Protein backbone atom coordinates (compact mmCIF):
# COMPACT_ATOMS: atom_id res chain seq x y z
CA GLY A 1 82.56 79.53 117.92
CA ASN A 2 83.63 76.07 118.77
CA SER A 3 87.40 76.41 118.33
CA ARG A 4 90.11 75.70 120.84
CA THR A 5 93.73 76.75 121.20
CA VAL A 6 96.25 74.20 122.21
CA LEU A 7 99.89 74.48 123.31
CA LEU A 8 102.03 71.38 123.52
CA ALA A 9 105.02 71.82 125.85
CA CYS A 10 107.79 69.29 125.35
CA VAL A 11 110.13 68.60 128.32
CA SER A 12 113.07 66.25 128.75
CA PRO A 13 113.66 63.99 131.71
CA ALA A 14 117.49 64.34 131.29
CA ARG A 15 119.26 66.36 134.00
CA SER A 16 121.28 68.19 131.28
CA ASN A 17 118.05 69.72 129.97
CA PHE A 18 116.67 70.63 133.41
CA ASP A 19 116.93 74.43 132.96
CA GLU A 20 115.36 74.24 129.49
CA SER A 21 112.51 72.03 130.75
CA VAL A 22 111.77 74.44 133.70
CA SER A 23 111.72 77.34 131.27
CA THR A 24 109.27 75.51 128.95
CA LEU A 25 106.99 74.66 131.88
CA GLU A 26 107.06 78.30 133.12
CA PHE A 27 106.10 79.50 129.62
CA ALA A 28 103.29 76.97 129.36
CA ALA A 29 101.97 78.11 132.74
CA ARG A 30 101.93 81.62 131.52
CA CYS A 31 100.12 80.56 128.30
CA LYS A 32 97.37 78.97 130.31
CA LEU A 33 96.46 82.39 131.79
CA ILE A 34 95.68 83.73 128.25
CA LYS A 35 91.98 83.86 127.46
CA THR A 36 90.91 83.76 123.87
CA ASN A 37 87.51 84.61 122.48
CA ALA A 38 86.80 83.05 119.17
CA LYS A 39 84.05 84.31 117.11
CA LYS A 40 82.64 83.22 113.83
CA ASN A 41 84.35 84.99 110.89
CA GLU A 42 81.21 85.74 108.95
CA GLN A 43 79.53 88.98 107.94
CA ASP A 44 75.77 89.48 107.45
CA LYS A 45 75.15 89.10 103.72
CA ARG A 46 73.32 92.36 103.48
CA GLU A 47 76.10 94.19 105.30
CA LEU A 48 78.67 92.57 103.04
CA ILE A 49 76.66 93.58 99.93
CA GLU A 50 76.41 97.15 101.23
CA THR A 51 80.04 97.34 101.94
CA LEU A 52 81.04 96.07 98.57
CA SER A 53 78.53 98.28 96.79
CA LYS A 54 79.92 101.26 98.62
CA GLU A 55 83.50 100.32 97.69
CA LYS A 56 82.50 99.81 94.08
CA GLU A 57 80.92 103.25 93.96
CA GLU A 58 84.08 104.82 95.43
CA VAL A 59 86.25 103.06 92.88
CA GLU A 60 83.94 104.14 90.02
CA ALA A 61 84.14 107.69 91.24
CA ARG A 62 87.93 107.60 91.35
CA LEU A 63 88.02 106.02 87.90
CA GLU A 64 85.70 108.74 86.50
CA ALA A 65 87.90 111.45 88.09
CA GLU A 66 91.04 109.93 86.47
CA ARG A 67 89.21 109.78 83.09
CA GLN A 68 88.31 113.48 83.39
CA GLN A 69 91.91 114.23 84.34
CA LYS A 70 93.16 112.23 81.41
CA LEU A 71 90.88 114.04 79.00
CA LEU A 72 91.85 117.38 80.43
CA LEU A 73 95.61 116.53 80.02
CA GLN A 74 94.98 115.14 76.55
CA HIS A 75 93.32 118.35 75.37
CA GLU A 76 96.06 120.41 76.87
CA LEU A 77 98.68 118.37 75.11
CA GLU A 78 96.84 118.66 71.80
CA ARG A 79 96.61 122.44 72.28
CA GLU A 80 100.37 122.63 73.02
CA MET A 81 101.12 120.51 70.06
CA GLU A 82 99.10 122.79 67.75
CA GLU A 83 100.84 125.80 69.28
CA SER A 84 104.23 124.19 68.82
CA LYS A 85 103.36 123.37 65.19
CA LYS A 86 102.30 127.00 64.54
CA ASN A 87 105.60 128.24 66.12
CA GLN A 88 107.58 125.78 63.97
CA GLU A 89 105.75 127.11 60.85
CA LEU A 90 106.38 130.70 61.87
CA ALA A 91 110.07 129.94 62.45
CA GLN A 92 110.17 128.27 58.96
CA GLN A 93 108.57 131.44 57.35
CA MET A 94 111.02 133.64 59.23
CA GLN A 95 113.94 131.55 57.98
CA GLU A 96 112.66 131.76 54.46
CA GLU A 97 112.13 135.53 54.73
CA LYS A 98 115.70 135.87 56.13
CA GLN A 99 117.03 133.86 53.20
CA ARG A 100 115.04 136.05 50.68
CA ILE A 101 116.38 139.20 52.33
CA GLU A 102 119.99 137.91 52.25
CA ASP A 103 119.52 137.02 48.52
CA MET A 104 118.24 140.45 47.80
CA LEU A 105 121.24 142.09 49.65
CA ARG A 106 123.61 139.94 47.68
CA THR A 107 121.90 141.01 44.49
CA LEU A 108 122.14 144.59 45.48
CA LYS A 109 125.84 144.26 46.26
CA ILE A 110 126.55 142.70 42.94
CA GLU A 111 124.76 145.50 41.07
CA GLN A 112 126.77 148.20 42.82
């Protein structure tokens, strides 16, 4: 590329800032030793399309797996709800049977 990196070091001519100015100049000298290699930040269009297509396929695959998981959990929940409803009906029937038996026992006690 055609980019450049610039460092601007500000120093002061005042004697009270001498130490700070020397430190700044030493830092600037060390910075001059750094070599940078700029390169154009551009991908080949075919490569970019391939990368994005692959990423899209991966996302679609994960989405499909999550859909399948959701359906599985939904079916399991529906089955458990049906089982719970059956158990609730059975409990209701047992409660009614218990009440009927207690009524019969009371009737038998009264007759004796």
